[in-house]
C-alpha atoms as a PDB file:
ATOM      1  CA  MET A   1     107.646  10.092  31.031  1.00  0.00           C
ATOM      2  CA  ASP A   2     109.311  13.384  30.971  1.00  0.00           C
ATOM      3  CA  ILE A   3     106.926  16.415  30.553  1.00  0.00           C
ATOM      4  CA  CYS A   4     107.906  19.881  30.435  1.00  0.00           C
ATOM      5  CA  LEU A   5     105.211  22.677  30.503  1.00  0.00           C
ATOM      6  CA  ILE A   6     106.121  25.904  28.539  1.00  0.00           C
ATOM      7  CA  MET A   7     104.634  29.013  30.247  1.00  0.00           C
ATOM      8  CA  ASP A   8     104.909  32.619  30.487  1.00  0.00           C
ATOM      9  CA  ASN A   9     102.665  33.440  33.633  1.00  0.00           C
ATOM     10  CA  PRO A  10     103.751  32.402  37.083  1.00  0.00           C
ATOM     11  CA  GLU A  11     100.126  31.824  37.967  1.00  0.00           C
ATOM     12  CA  THR A  12      99.747  29.068  35.257  1.00  0.00           C
ATOM     13  CA  PRO A  13     100.504  26.284  37.638  1.00  0.00           C
ATOM     14  CA  HIS A  14      98.052  27.495  39.862  1.00  0.00           C
ATOM     15  CA  HIS A  15      95.128  27.403  37.110  1.00  0.00           C
ATOM     16  CA  PRO A  16      91.945  25.661  38.404  1.00  0.00           C
ATOM     17  CA  VAL A  17      92.384  22.901  35.553  1.00  0.00           C
ATOM     18  CA  ILE A  18      96.240  22.982  35.078  1.00  0.00           C
ATOM     19  CA  ALA A  19      97.110  22.689  38.502  1.00  0.00           C
ATOM     20  CA  VAL A  20      94.902  19.492  38.842  1.00  0.00           C
ATOM     21  CA  ALA A  21      96.467  18.162  35.661  1.00  0.00           C
ATOM     22  CA  LEU A  22     100.007  18.763  36.797  1.00  0.00           C
ATOM     23  CA  GLN A  23      99.300  17.142  40.090  1.00  0.00           C
ATOM     24  CA  GLN A  24      97.983  14.097  38.739  1.00  0.00           C
ATOM     25  CA  LEU A  25     100.793  13.982  35.982  1.00  0.00           C
ATOM     26  CA  SER A  26     103.686  14.368  38.888  1.00  0.00           C
ATOM     27  CA  THR A  27     102.357  11.115  40.745  1.00  0.00           C
ATOM     28  CA  THR A  28     103.461   8.952  37.847  1.00  0.00           C
ATOM     29  CA  HIS A  29     105.757  11.208  35.678  1.00  0.00           C
ATOM     30  CA  THR A  30     108.543  13.685  35.702  1.00  0.00           C
ATOM     31  CA  VAL A  31     107.345  17.136  35.518  1.00  0.00           C
ATOM     32  CA  ARG A  32     109.314  20.521  34.789  1.00  0.00           C
ATOM     33  CA  LEU A  33     108.435  23.985  34.185  1.00  0.00           C
ATOM     34  CA  LEU A  34     110.157  26.184  31.448  1.00  0.00           C
ATOM     35  CA  ASP A  35     108.880  29.953  32.246  1.00  0.00           C
ATOM     36  CA  VAL A  36     110.075  32.053  29.291  1.00  0.00           C
ATOM     37  CA  ARG A  37     108.555  35.198  30.712  1.00  0.00           C
ATOM     38  CA  THR A  38     111.977  37.085  31.009  1.00  0.00           C
ATOM     39  CA  LEU A  39     113.734  35.200  28.413  1.00  0.00           C
ATOM     40  CA  THR A  40     114.021  35.890  24.609  1.00  0.00           C
ATOM     41  CA  GLY A  41     113.464  33.218  22.164  1.00  0.00           C
ATOM     42  CA  ALA A  42     117.116  32.403  21.773  1.00  0.00           C
ATOM     43  CA  GLU A  43     117.675  32.260  25.514  1.00  0.00           C
ATOM     44  CA  ALA A  44     114.644  29.859  26.047  1.00  0.00           C
ATOM     45  CA  ILE A  45     116.063  27.678  23.532  1.00  0.00           C
ATOM     46  CA  ALA A  46     119.543  27.799  25.120  1.00  0.00           C
ATOM     47  CA  GLN A  47     118.103  27.104  28.705  1.00  0.00           C
ATOM     48  CA  GLU A  48     116.017  23.749  27.105  1.00  0.00           C
ATOM     49  CA  LYS A  49     119.084  22.621  25.502  1.00  0.00           C
ATOM     50  CA  ILE A  50     120.803  21.853  28.913  1.00  0.00           C
ATOM     51  CA  HIS A  51     117.740  19.426  29.124  1.00  0.00           C
ATOM     52  CA  VAL A  52     117.360  15.967  27.600  1.00  0.00           C
ATOM     53  CA  LEU A  53     114.506  16.153  25.088  1.00  0.00           C
ATOM     54  CA  ALA A  54     111.487  15.636  27.007  1.00  0.00           C
ATOM     55  CA  ASP A  55     108.971  13.179  25.885  1.00  0.00           C
ATOM     56  CA  LEU A  56     105.936  15.700  26.023  1.00  0.00           C
ATOM     57  CA  TYR A  57     105.995  19.500  26.099  1.00  0.00           C
ATOM     58  CA  LEU A  58     102.503  21.266  26.985  1.00  0.00           C
ATOM     59  CA  LEU A  59     102.640  24.719  25.163  1.00  0.00           C
ATOM     60  CA  LYS A  60     100.434  27.100  27.690  1.00  0.00           C
ATOM     61  CA  SER A  61     101.848  30.301  26.013  1.00  0.00           C
ATOM     62  CA  HIS A  62     101.253  32.345  22.986  1.00  0.00           C
ATOM     63  CA  ALA A  63     104.146  34.703  23.652  1.00  0.00           C
ATOM     64  CA  PRO A  64     106.702  34.695  20.724  1.00  0.00           C
ATOM     65  CA  GLN A  65     109.618  33.405  22.559  1.00  0.00           C
ATOM     66  CA  ALA A  66     107.336  30.393  23.508  1.00  0.00           C
ATOM     67  CA  LEU A  67     106.402  29.706  19.924  1.00  0.00           C
ATOM     68  CA  ASP A  68     110.180  30.009  18.887  1.00  0.00           C
ATOM     69  CA  VAL A  69     111.060  27.358  21.632  1.00  0.00           C
ATOM     70  CA  ALA A  70     108.044  25.111  20.189  1.00  0.00           C
ATOM     71  CA  TYR A  71     109.053  25.414  16.550  1.00  0.00           C
ATOM     72  CA  PHE A  72     112.658  24.616  17.713  1.00  0.00           C
ATOM     73  CA  LEU A  73     111.352  21.450  19.753  1.00  0.00           C
ATOM     74  CA  GLU A  74     109.265  20.247  16.824  1.00  0.00           C
ATOM     75  CA  GLN A  75     112.154  20.434  14.313  1.00  0.00           C
ATOM     76  CA  HIS A  76     114.045  18.045  16.578  1.00  0.00           C
ATOM     77  CA  GLY A  77     111.432  15.762  16.726  1.00  0.00           C
ATOM     78  CA  ALA A  78     109.671  16.858  20.006  1.00  0.00           C
ATOM     79  CA  LEU A  79     105.939  16.242  20.720  1.00  0.00           C
ATOM     80  CA  VAL A  80     104.398  19.661  21.613  1.00  0.00           C
ATOM     81  CA  VAL A  81     100.802  20.220  22.656  1.00  0.00           C
ATOM     82  CA  ASN A  82      99.189  22.309  21.259  1.00  0.00           C
ATOM     83  CA  SER A  83     101.727  22.324  17.964  1.00  0.00           C
ATOM     84  CA  TRP A  84     103.373  25.388  17.095  1.00  0.00           C
ATOM     85  CA  ALA A  85     101.199  25.637  14.033  1.00  0.00           C
ATOM     86  CA  SER A  86      97.914  25.398  16.064  1.00  0.00           C
ATOM     87  CA  SER A  87      99.297  27.925  18.742  1.00  0.00           C
ATOM     88  CA  SER A  88     100.538  30.461  16.017  1.00  0.00           C
ATOM     89  CA  VAL A  89      96.943  30.538  14.309  1.00  0.00           C
ATOM     90  CA  CYS A  90      95.346  31.106  17.849  1.00  0.00           C
ATOM     91  CA  GLN A  91      98.025  34.010  18.474  1.00  0.00           C
ATOM     92  CA  ASP A  92      96.568  35.914  15.447  1.00  0.00           C
ATOM     93  CA  ARG A  93      92.851  36.985  15.907  1.00  0.00           C
ATOM     94  CA  VAL A  94      92.699  37.737  12.018  1.00  0.00           C
ATOM     95  CA  ARG A  95      93.632  34.244  11.096  1.00  0.00           C
ATOM     96  CA  MET A  96      91.278  32.909  14.017  1.00  0.00           C
ATOM     97  CA  ALA A  97      88.461  34.810  12.505  1.00  0.00           C
ATOM     98  CA  GLN A  98      89.281  33.133   8.930  1.00  0.00           C
ATOM     99  CA  ARG A  99      89.394  29.597  10.603  1.00  0.00           C
ATOM    100  CA  MET A 100      86.227  30.061  12.418  1.00  0.00           C
ATOM    101  CA  LEU A 101      84.264  31.207   9.374  1.00  0.00           C
ATOM    102  CA  GLU A 102      85.669  28.409   7.438  1.00  0.00           C
ATOM    103  CA  ALA A 103      84.464  25.906  10.065  1.00  0.00           C
ATOM    104  CA  ASN A 104      80.978  27.697  10.452  1.00  0.00           C
ATOM    105  CA  LEU A 105      81.572  28.472  14.005  1.00  0.00           C
ATOM    106  CA  PRO A 106      79.837  31.507  15.979  1.00  0.00           C
ATOM    107  CA  TRP A 107      82.158  34.468  15.895  1.00  0.00           C
ATOM    108  CA  PRO A 108      81.456  38.211  15.909  1.00  0.00           C
ATOM    109  CA  GLN A 109      82.195  40.130  12.364  1.00  0.00           C
ATOM    110  CA  THR A 110      85.935  41.130  12.362  1.00  0.00           C
ATOM    111  CA  ARG A 111      87.957  43.734  10.459  1.00  0.00           C
ATOM    112  CA  SER A 112      91.513  44.268  10.554  1.00  0.00           C
ATOM    113  CA  PHE A 113      93.805  47.270  10.091  1.00  0.00           C
ATOM    114  CA  ALA A 114      97.734  47.527   9.682  1.00  0.00           C
ATOM    115  CA  THR A 115      97.589  49.696  12.606  1.00  0.00           C
ATOM    116  CA  LEU A 116      95.407  51.852  14.927  1.00  0.00           C
ATOM    117  CA  GLU A 117      96.940  55.091  13.290  1.00  0.00           C
ATOM    118  CA  ASN A 118      95.972  53.612   9.577  1.00  0.00           C
ATOM    119  CA  LEU A 119      92.302  53.072  10.971  1.00  0.00           C
ATOM    120  CA  LEU A 120      92.175  56.828  12.476  1.00  0.00           C
ATOM    121  CA  ALA A 121      93.436  58.021   9.019  1.00  0.00           C
ATOM    122  CA  ASP A 122      90.352  56.866   7.292  1.00  0.00           C
ATOM    123  CA  SER A 123      87.470  59.397   7.825  1.00  0.00           C
ATOM    124  CA  HIS A 124      85.267  57.852   5.475  1.00  0.00           C
ATOM    125  CA  LEU A 125      85.432  54.776   7.325  1.00  0.00           C
ATOM    126  CA  LEU A 126      85.257  56.267  10.769  1.00  0.00           C
ATOM    127  CA  ALA A 127      82.135  57.939   9.905  1.00  0.00           C
ATOM    128  CA  SER A 128      80.634  54.595   9.042  1.00  0.00           C
ATOM    129  CA  LEU A 129      81.702  52.688  11.867  1.00  0.00           C
ATOM    130  CA  PRO A 130      78.441  50.921  14.006  1.00  0.00           C
ATOM    131  CA  PHE A 131      79.279  51.953  17.469  1.00  0.00           C
ATOM    132  CA  PRO A 132      79.738  50.427  20.052  1.00  0.00           C
ATOM    133  CA  LEU A 133      82.439  48.164  19.133  1.00  0.00           C
ATOM    134  CA  ILE A 134      85.185  46.167  20.395  1.00  0.00           C
ATOM    135  CA  ILE A 135      88.821  46.541  19.861  1.00  0.00           C
ATOM    136  CA  LYS A 136      91.506  44.176  20.298  1.00  0.00           C
ATOM    137  CA  SER A 137      95.195  43.736  19.405  1.00  0.00           C
ATOM    138  CA  ARG A 138      95.684  41.704  16.365  1.00  0.00           C
ATOM    139  CA  TYR A 139      98.270  39.440  18.239  1.00  0.00           C
ATOM    140  CA  SER A 140      97.257  38.107  21.343  1.00  0.00           C
ATOM    141  CA  HIS A 141      99.764  38.797  24.183  1.00  0.00           C
ATOM    142  CA  ARG A 142     100.052  39.679  27.747  1.00  0.00           C
ATOM    143  CA  GLY A 143      98.867  43.285  28.250  1.00  0.00           C
ATOM    144  CA  ASP A 144      97.402  43.622  25.040  1.00  0.00           C
ATOM    145  CA  LEU A 145      94.648  45.986  23.822  1.00  0.00           C
ATOM    146  CA  VAL A 146      91.042  44.943  24.596  1.00  0.00           C
ATOM    147  CA  ASP A 147      88.315  47.614  24.889  1.00  0.00           C
ATOM    148  CA  LYS A 148      84.870  48.699  24.145  1.00  0.00           C
ATOM    149  CA  VAL A 149      84.706  52.002  22.524  1.00  0.00           C
ATOM    150  CA  HIS A 150      81.381  54.044  21.925  1.00  0.00           C
ATOM    151  CA  ASN A 151      82.691  56.703  19.437  1.00  0.00           C
ATOM    152  CA  VAL A 152      85.433  57.893  17.686  1.00  0.00           C
ATOM    153  CA  GLU A 153      86.619  60.094  20.467  1.00  0.00           C
ATOM    154  CA  GLN A 154      87.491  57.034  22.359  1.00  0.00           C
ATOM    155  CA  LEU A 155      89.229  55.474  19.410  1.00  0.00           C
ATOM    156  CA  GLN A 156      91.322  58.533  19.026  1.00  0.00           C
ATOM    157  CA  ALA A 157      92.273  58.519  22.914  1.00  0.00           C
ATOM    158  CA  LEU A 158      93.683  55.019  22.368  1.00  0.00           C
ATOM    159  CA  ALA A 159      96.009  56.235  19.966  1.00  0.00           C
ATOM    160  CA  ALA A 160      98.423  58.192  22.772  1.00  0.00           C
ATOM    161  CA  HIS A 161      99.510  54.342  23.925  1.00  0.00           C
ATOM    162  CA  TRP A 162      98.371  52.125  20.744  1.00  0.00           C
ATOM    163  CA  SER A 163      98.948  54.133  17.612  1.00  0.00           C
ATOM    164  CA  ARG A 164     101.305  51.579  15.846  1.00  0.00           C
ATOM    165  CA  GLU A 165      99.522  48.594  17.012  1.00  0.00           C
ATOM    166  CA  PRO A 166      98.004  46.307  14.650  1.00  0.00           C
ATOM    167  CA  VAL A 167      94.461  45.936  15.673  1.00  0.00           C
ATOM    168  CA  VAL A 168      90.909  44.354  14.936  1.00  0.00           C
ATOM    169  CA  LEU A 169      87.434  45.688  15.157  1.00  0.00           C
ATOM    170  CA  GLN A 170      84.708  43.364  16.166  1.00  0.00           C
ATOM    171  CA  GLU A 171      81.041  43.964  16.308  1.00  0.00           C
ATOM    172  CA  PHE A 172      79.522  44.145  19.986  1.00  0.00           C
ATOM    173  CA  ILE A 173      77.321  41.650  20.721  1.00  0.00           C
ATOM    174  CA  ALA A 174      75.240  42.281  24.283  1.00  0.00           C
ATOM    175  CA  GLY A 175      75.633  39.230  26.582  1.00  0.00           C
ATOM    176  CA  ASP A 176      73.972  38.396  29.916  1.00  0.00           C
ATOM    177  CA  GLY A 177      76.847  40.072  31.743  1.00  0.00           C
ATOM    178  CA  TRP A 178      78.985  36.782  32.283  1.00  0.00           C
ATOM    179  CA  ASP A 179      81.724  35.014  30.364  1.00  0.00           C
ATOM    180  CA  ILE A 180      81.551  31.359  30.034  1.00  0.00           C
ATOM    181  CA  LYS A 181      84.940  29.622  30.335  1.00  0.00           C
ATOM    182  CA  LEU A 182      85.634  26.298  29.184  1.00  0.00           C
ATOM    183  CA  TRP A 183      88.767  24.312  29.221  1.00  0.00           C
ATOM    184  CA  VAL A 184      89.213  21.167  27.482  1.00  0.00           C
ATOM    185  CA  ILE A 185      92.060  18.367  28.189  1.00  0.00           C
ATOM    186  CA  ASP A 186      91.786  16.187  25.186  1.00  0.00           C
ATOM    187  CA  GLU A 187      87.891  15.879  25.014  1.00  0.00           C
ATOM    188  CA  ARG A 188      87.356  16.281  29.057  1.00  0.00           C
ATOM    189  CA  ILE A 189      85.538  19.566  29.367  1.00  0.00           C
ATOM    190  CA  PHE A 190      85.448  21.770  32.632  1.00  0.00           C
ATOM    191  CA  ALA A 191      83.390  24.925  32.787  1.00  0.00           C
ATOM    192  CA  ALA A 192      82.806  28.067  34.916  1.00  0.00           C
ATOM    193  CA  ARG A 193      81.111  31.534  34.907  1.00  0.00           C
ATOM    194  CA  ARG A 194      82.987  34.733  35.257  1.00  0.00           C
ATOM    195  CA  ARG A 195      81.573  38.331  35.173  1.00  0.00           C
ATOM    196  CA  THR A 196      82.422  40.006  31.896  1.00  0.00           C
ATOM    197  CA  PRO A 197      85.671  42.019  31.861  1.00  0.00           C
ATOM    198  CA  LEU A 198      84.136  44.729  30.198  1.00  0.00           C
ATOM    199  CA  GLU A 199      82.172  45.411  33.297  1.00  0.00           C
ATOM    200  CA  ALA A 200      84.082  48.045  35.519  1.00  0.00           C
ATOM    201  CA  ASP A 201      85.612  46.522  38.808  1.00  0.00           C
ATOM    202  CA  ALA A 202      84.377  43.218  37.606  1.00  0.00           C
ATOM    203  CA  SER A 203      85.242  40.086  39.645  1.00  0.00           C
ATOM    204  CA  LYS A 204      87.826  37.745  38.347  1.00  0.00           C
ATOM    205  CA  GLU A 205      86.076  34.817  40.678  1.00  0.00           C
ATOM    206  CA  ASP A 206      85.111  31.693  38.679  1.00  0.00           C
ATOM    207  CA  PHE A 207      81.850  29.866  39.459  1.00  0.00           C
ATOM    208  CA  PRO A 208      82.306  26.259  38.385  1.00  0.00           C
ATOM    209  CA  ILE A 209      79.600  24.641  36.503  1.00  0.00           C
ATOM    210  CA  ALA A 210      79.137  20.739  37.025  1.00  0.00           C
ATOM    211  CA  SER A 211      79.929  18.740  34.034  1.00  0.00           C
ATOM    212  CA  LYS A 212      76.408  17.388  33.856  1.00  0.00           C
ATOM    213  CA  GLU A 213      75.074  20.787  33.497  1.00  0.00           C
ATOM    214  CA  ILE A 214      77.070  21.960  30.662  1.00  0.00           C
ATOM    215  CA  PRO A 215      74.643  22.227  27.521  1.00  0.00           C
ATOM    216  CA  GLY A 216      75.178  20.079  24.636  1.00  0.00           C
ATOM    217  CA  ARG A 217      75.546  23.084  22.386  1.00  0.00           C
ATOM    218  CA  TRP A 218      78.544  24.550  24.322  1.00  0.00           C
ATOM    219  CA  ILE A 219      80.251  21.006  24.221  1.00  0.00           C
ATOM    220  CA  GLY A 220      79.555  20.692  20.453  1.00  0.00           C
ATOM    221  CA  ILE A 221      81.275  24.116  19.742  1.00  0.00           C
ATOM    222  CA  VAL A 222      84.295  23.326  22.011  1.00  0.00           C
ATOM    223  CA  LEU A 223      84.962  20.001  20.402  1.00  0.00           C
ATOM    224  CA  GLU A 224      84.384  21.433  16.832  1.00  0.00           C
ATOM    225  CA  LEU A 225      87.113  24.127  17.844  1.00  0.00           C
ATOM    226  CA  ALA A 226      89.616  21.269  18.555  1.00  0.00           C
ATOM    227  CA  ARG A 227      88.921  19.770  15.102  1.00  0.00           C
ATOM    228  CA  ALA A 228      89.329  23.180  13.243  1.00  0.00           C
ATOM    229  CA  PHE A 229      92.423  24.235  15.026  1.00  0.00           C
ATOM    230  CA  ASN A 230      93.928  20.951  16.000  1.00  0.00           C
ATOM    231  CA  LEU A 231      93.961  21.508  19.678  1.00  0.00           C
ATOM    232  CA  ARG A 232      94.143  18.957  22.400  1.00  0.00           C
ATOM    233  CA  LEU A 233      94.695  21.381  25.387  1.00  0.00           C
ATOM    234  CA  TYR A 234      93.099  24.716  25.315  1.00  0.00           C
ATOM    235  CA  GLY A 235      90.529  27.195  26.733  1.00  0.00           C
ATOM    236  CA  VAL A 236      87.299  28.817  25.059  1.00  0.00           C
ATOM    237  CA  ASP A 237      85.225  31.875  26.335  1.00  0.00           C
ATOM    238  CA  LEU A 238      81.765  31.852  25.156  1.00  0.00           C
ATOM    239  CA  LEU A 239      79.378  34.827  25.352  1.00  0.00           C
ATOM    240  CA  ILE A 240      75.624  34.012  25.756  1.00  0.00           C
ATOM    241  CA  THR A 241      73.551  36.203  23.529  1.00  0.00           C
ATOM    242  CA  GLU A 242      70.084  36.564  21.926  1.00  0.00           C
ATOM    243  CA  ARG A 243      71.843  34.559  18.845  1.00  0.00           C
ATOM    244  CA  GLY A 244      72.918  31.816  21.137  1.00  0.00           C
ATOM    245  CA  PRO A 245      76.676  31.073  22.438  1.00  0.00           C
ATOM    246  CA  ILE A 246      79.287  32.976  20.552  1.00  0.00           C
END
């Protein structure tokens, strides 16, 4: 079987789960990489046209050019995991919030705005915001906006770089200082703890959690996510709060 990994991060082949999966796959299959990081969608498609259509494409990128390639490949009969449709929803935090609500899965309250500039222009809304809040780019991409803001002044300070950015505001829910990272390949689950990135100088080191120590509630959430978003290869971040995992 010929397998192609579509990616936009040079570290992806060294990911603790993906690296193992690629190594195992390459023992019995042909595996190649398509790095779209420096390519436009048209360039990535042109580069892929050089090759015979792979039997399986693993889409490990939400970059627009990666989605362009995935859509092109699916239109030509290729099997892409995760699909273009599923990956497109996961790139859009508004559509994700809607899907999570429909599936009755735990998710912070989320409000969207056409741009940060539009948000800041609504003085009545600003006066009613329940700080602290989490602000994020609406569309997930490398280097996107993710920050915790404590007041209107901090929101206004972000406008210097992000005024035209479509954004979402999410309620801040206090956790225990750790993010739970879960990675799923089909229904095989791997987990680790990592310090929350909202802490100053937070370590990015992962502390693995043994499979037998993963709580059933966490497993239930990630498997329900797979059904809600039609995912087979994906990662989930859980925040452990007084309400339970979110």
